[in-house]
C-alpha atoms as a PDB file:
ATOM      1  CA  MET A   1       7.112  -4.498  21.596  1.00  0.00           C
ATOM      2  CA  ALA A   2       5.389  -4.549  18.583  1.00  0.00           C
ATOM      3  CA  LEU A   3       6.568  -3.007  15.127  1.00  0.00           C
ATOM      4  CA  CYS A   4       4.561  -2.238  12.149  1.00  0.00           C
ATOM      5  CA  VAL A   5       5.175  -1.807   8.560  1.00  0.00           C
ATOM      6  CA  VAL A   6       2.794   0.068   5.967  1.00  0.00           C
ATOM      7  CA  ALA A   7       4.736  -0.247   2.876  1.00  0.00           C
ATOM      8  CA  LYS A   8       2.545   1.750   0.079  1.00  0.00           C
ATOM      9  CA  ILE A   9       3.531   1.228  -3.854  1.00  0.00           C
ATOM     10  CA  ARG A  10       2.872   2.094  -6.907  1.00  0.00           C
ATOM     11  CA  VAL A  11       3.250   0.433  -9.562  1.00  0.00           C
ATOM     12  CA  LYS A  12       3.319   1.231 -13.507  1.00  0.00           C
ATOM     13  CA  ASP A  13       0.158   1.080 -15.079  1.00  0.00           C
ATOM     14  CA  GLY A  14      -1.057  -1.443 -16.256  1.00  0.00           C
ATOM     15  CA  GLN A  15       1.705  -4.480 -14.708  1.00  0.00           C
ATOM     16  CA  GLN A  16      -0.895  -4.544 -12.256  1.00  0.00           C
ATOM     17  CA  ALA A  17      -1.900  -8.079 -12.822  1.00  0.00           C
ATOM     18  CA  SER A  18       1.653  -8.989 -12.708  1.00  0.00           C
ATOM     19  CA  PHE A  19       3.219  -6.911  -9.118  1.00  0.00           C
ATOM     20  CA  GLU A  20       0.209  -9.053  -8.276  1.00  0.00           C
ATOM     21  CA  GLN A  21       0.846 -12.556  -8.284  1.00  0.00           C
ATOM     22  CA  VAL A  22       4.471 -11.538  -7.739  1.00  0.00           C
ATOM     23  CA  ALA A  23       3.914  -9.728  -4.557  1.00  0.00           C
ATOM     24  CA  SER A  24       1.166 -12.082  -3.426  1.00  0.00           C
ATOM     25  CA  ARG A  25       4.255 -15.295  -3.971  1.00  0.00           C
ATOM     26  CA  LEU A  26       6.224 -12.958  -1.679  1.00  0.00           C
ATOM     27  CA  ALA A  27       2.992 -12.275   1.063  1.00  0.00           C
ATOM     28  CA  LYS A  28       2.064 -16.295   1.160  1.00  0.00           C
ATOM     29  CA  ALA A  29       6.236 -16.883   1.841  1.00  0.00           C
ATOM     30  CA  VAL A  30       6.630 -15.169   4.662  1.00  0.00           C
ATOM     31  CA  GLN A  31       3.424 -16.094   6.156  1.00  0.00           C
ATOM     32  CA  ALA A  32       4.470 -19.466   5.808  1.00  0.00           C
ATOM     33  CA  ASN A  33       8.284 -18.823   6.812  1.00  0.00           C
ATOM     34  CA  GLU A  34       9.000 -16.004   8.998  1.00  0.00           C
ATOM     35  CA  PRO A  35       7.593 -16.828  13.088  1.00  0.00           C
ATOM     36  CA  GLY A  36       8.219 -13.673  13.946  1.00  0.00           C
ATOM     37  CA  CYS A  37       6.459 -11.751  11.663  1.00  0.00           C
ATOM     38  CA  LEU A  38       2.519 -11.484  12.756  1.00  0.00           C
ATOM     39  CA  LEU A  39       0.527  -9.812   9.752  1.00  0.00           C
ATOM     40  CA  TYR A  40       1.841  -9.151   5.891  1.00  0.00           C
ATOM     41  CA  THR A  41      -1.015  -9.043   3.608  1.00  0.00           C
ATOM     42  CA  LEU A  42      -1.414  -7.590   0.311  1.00  0.00           C
ATOM     43  CA  ASN A  43      -3.609  -4.621  -0.100  1.00  0.00           C
ATOM     44  CA  ARG A  44      -5.054  -2.661  -2.907  1.00  0.00           C
ATOM     45  CA  SER A  45      -6.123   1.260  -2.536  1.00  0.00           C
ATOM     46  CA  ASP A  46      -8.023   3.177  -4.185  1.00  0.00           C
ATOM     47  CA  ASP A  47      -6.163   3.734  -6.420  1.00  0.00           C
ATOM     48  CA  PRO A  48      -5.414   1.313  -8.747  1.00  0.00           C
ATOM     49  CA  LEU A  49      -2.532   2.274  -9.387  1.00  0.00           C
ATOM     50  CA  VAL A  50      -1.294   1.764  -5.403  1.00  0.00           C
ATOM     51  CA  TYR A  51      -0.724  -0.891  -3.141  1.00  0.00           C
ATOM     52  CA  VAL A  52      -0.173  -1.188   0.579  1.00  0.00           C
ATOM     53  CA  PHE A  53       1.980  -3.650   1.995  1.00  0.00           C
ATOM     54  CA  MET A  54       0.692  -4.264   5.649  1.00  0.00           C
ATOM     55  CA  GLU A  55       3.126  -5.760   8.500  1.00  0.00           C
ATOM     56  CA  ARG A  56       3.992  -6.286  11.535  1.00  0.00           C
ATOM     57  CA  TYR A  57       6.974  -8.136  13.851  1.00  0.00           C
ATOM     58  CA  LYS A  58       7.372  -9.310  17.267  1.00  0.00           C
ATOM     59  CA  ASP A  59       9.920  -7.536  17.680  1.00  0.00           C
ATOM     60  CA  GLU A  60      13.368  -5.761  15.848  1.00  0.00           C
ATOM     61  CA  ASP A  61      14.786  -9.605  15.289  1.00  0.00           C
ATOM     62  CA  ALA A  62      12.140 -10.052  13.704  1.00  0.00           C
ATOM     63  CA  VAL A  63      12.464  -7.578  11.807  1.00  0.00           C
ATOM     64  CA  LYS A  64      16.121  -7.963  10.187  1.00  0.00           C
ATOM     65  CA  ALA A  65      15.419 -11.801   9.750  1.00  0.00           C
ATOM     66  CA  HIS A  66      12.682 -10.485   7.363  1.00  0.00           C
ATOM     67  CA  ARG A  67      14.836  -8.368   5.094  1.00  0.00           C
ATOM     68  CA  ALA A  68      17.390 -11.101   5.613  1.00  0.00           C
ATOM     69  CA  SER A  69      15.429 -13.395   4.413  1.00  0.00           C
ATOM     70  CA  GLU A  70      15.901 -14.867   0.469  1.00  0.00           C
ATOM     71  CA  HIS A  71      12.593 -14.863  -0.466  1.00  0.00           C
ATOM     72  CA  PHE A  72      12.472 -10.742   0.553  1.00  0.00           C
ATOM     73  CA  ARG A  73      15.469 -10.647  -1.157  1.00  0.00           C
ATOM     74  CA  THR A  74      15.074 -12.407  -4.745  1.00  0.00           C
ATOM     75  CA  ILE A  75      10.996 -11.153  -5.212  1.00  0.00           C
ATOM     76  CA  GLY A  76      10.989  -8.054  -3.783  1.00  0.00           C
ATOM     77  CA  LYS A  77      13.872  -7.954  -6.402  1.00  0.00           C
ATOM     78  CA  GLU A  78      11.365  -9.407  -8.876  1.00  0.00           C
ATOM     79  CA  MET A  79       8.364  -7.046  -7.787  1.00  0.00           C
ATOM     80  CA  GLY A  80      11.159  -4.190  -9.088  1.00  0.00           C
ATOM     81  CA  ALA A  81      10.440  -4.037 -13.025  1.00  0.00           C
ATOM     82  CA  PHE A  82       6.416  -3.387 -11.783  1.00  0.00           C
ATOM     83  CA  MET A  83       7.823  -0.042  -9.500  1.00  0.00           C
ATOM     84  CA  ASP A  84       6.581   3.129 -10.036  1.00  0.00           C
ATOM     85  CA  GLY A  85       9.622   4.509  -7.917  1.00  0.00           C
ATOM     86  CA  PRO A  86      11.112   3.132  -4.795  1.00  0.00           C
ATOM     87  CA  PRO A  87       7.984   2.247  -2.113  1.00  0.00           C
ATOM     88  CA  ASP A  88       7.314   4.885   0.695  1.00  0.00           C
ATOM     89  CA  VAL A  89       8.053   3.155   3.986  1.00  0.00           C
ATOM     90  CA  GLN A  90       7.002   3.181   7.401  1.00  0.00           C
ATOM     91  CA  ARG A  91       8.240   1.929  10.464  1.00  0.00           C
ATOM     92  CA  LEU A  92       5.873   2.394  13.475  1.00  0.00           C
ATOM     93  CA  THR A  93       6.609   1.204  16.860  1.00  0.00           C
ATOM     94  CA  GLU A  94       3.269  -0.579  19.115  1.00  0.00           C
ATOM     95  CA  ILE A  95       1.721   1.464  21.933  1.00  0.00           C
ATOM     96  CA  ALA A  96      -1.001  -0.248  23.296  1.00  0.00           C
END
C-alpha cells in the first residue's frame, strides 16, 4: 500500500530563487538515492511564495528511510533559512 505526502511550504518574500535552488538539490538527491520513493517533485503553486513537494513511497519503511537520510536532514535544514514558518504536511494512504 503506497503512502503519499503533500508538503506545502511558504517561503520568505524575495527568497524564492534561493529556496528553489536548495529544494531542487533535495529532490534530485531523493530521486537518485531512495529506491522506495516512487515520486518526489518540487512544484510552485499559483501563489509565488508557496511551493509543494509531492511525494509517493512504496511503504512506511520507505518514508522512514527518507526521513533518516543524510540528504533530507542536511539539505532540509538548509531550506529552513528560506521558509516562512513550518511546512504544512499531509500524509495520505493510497486507496486505488
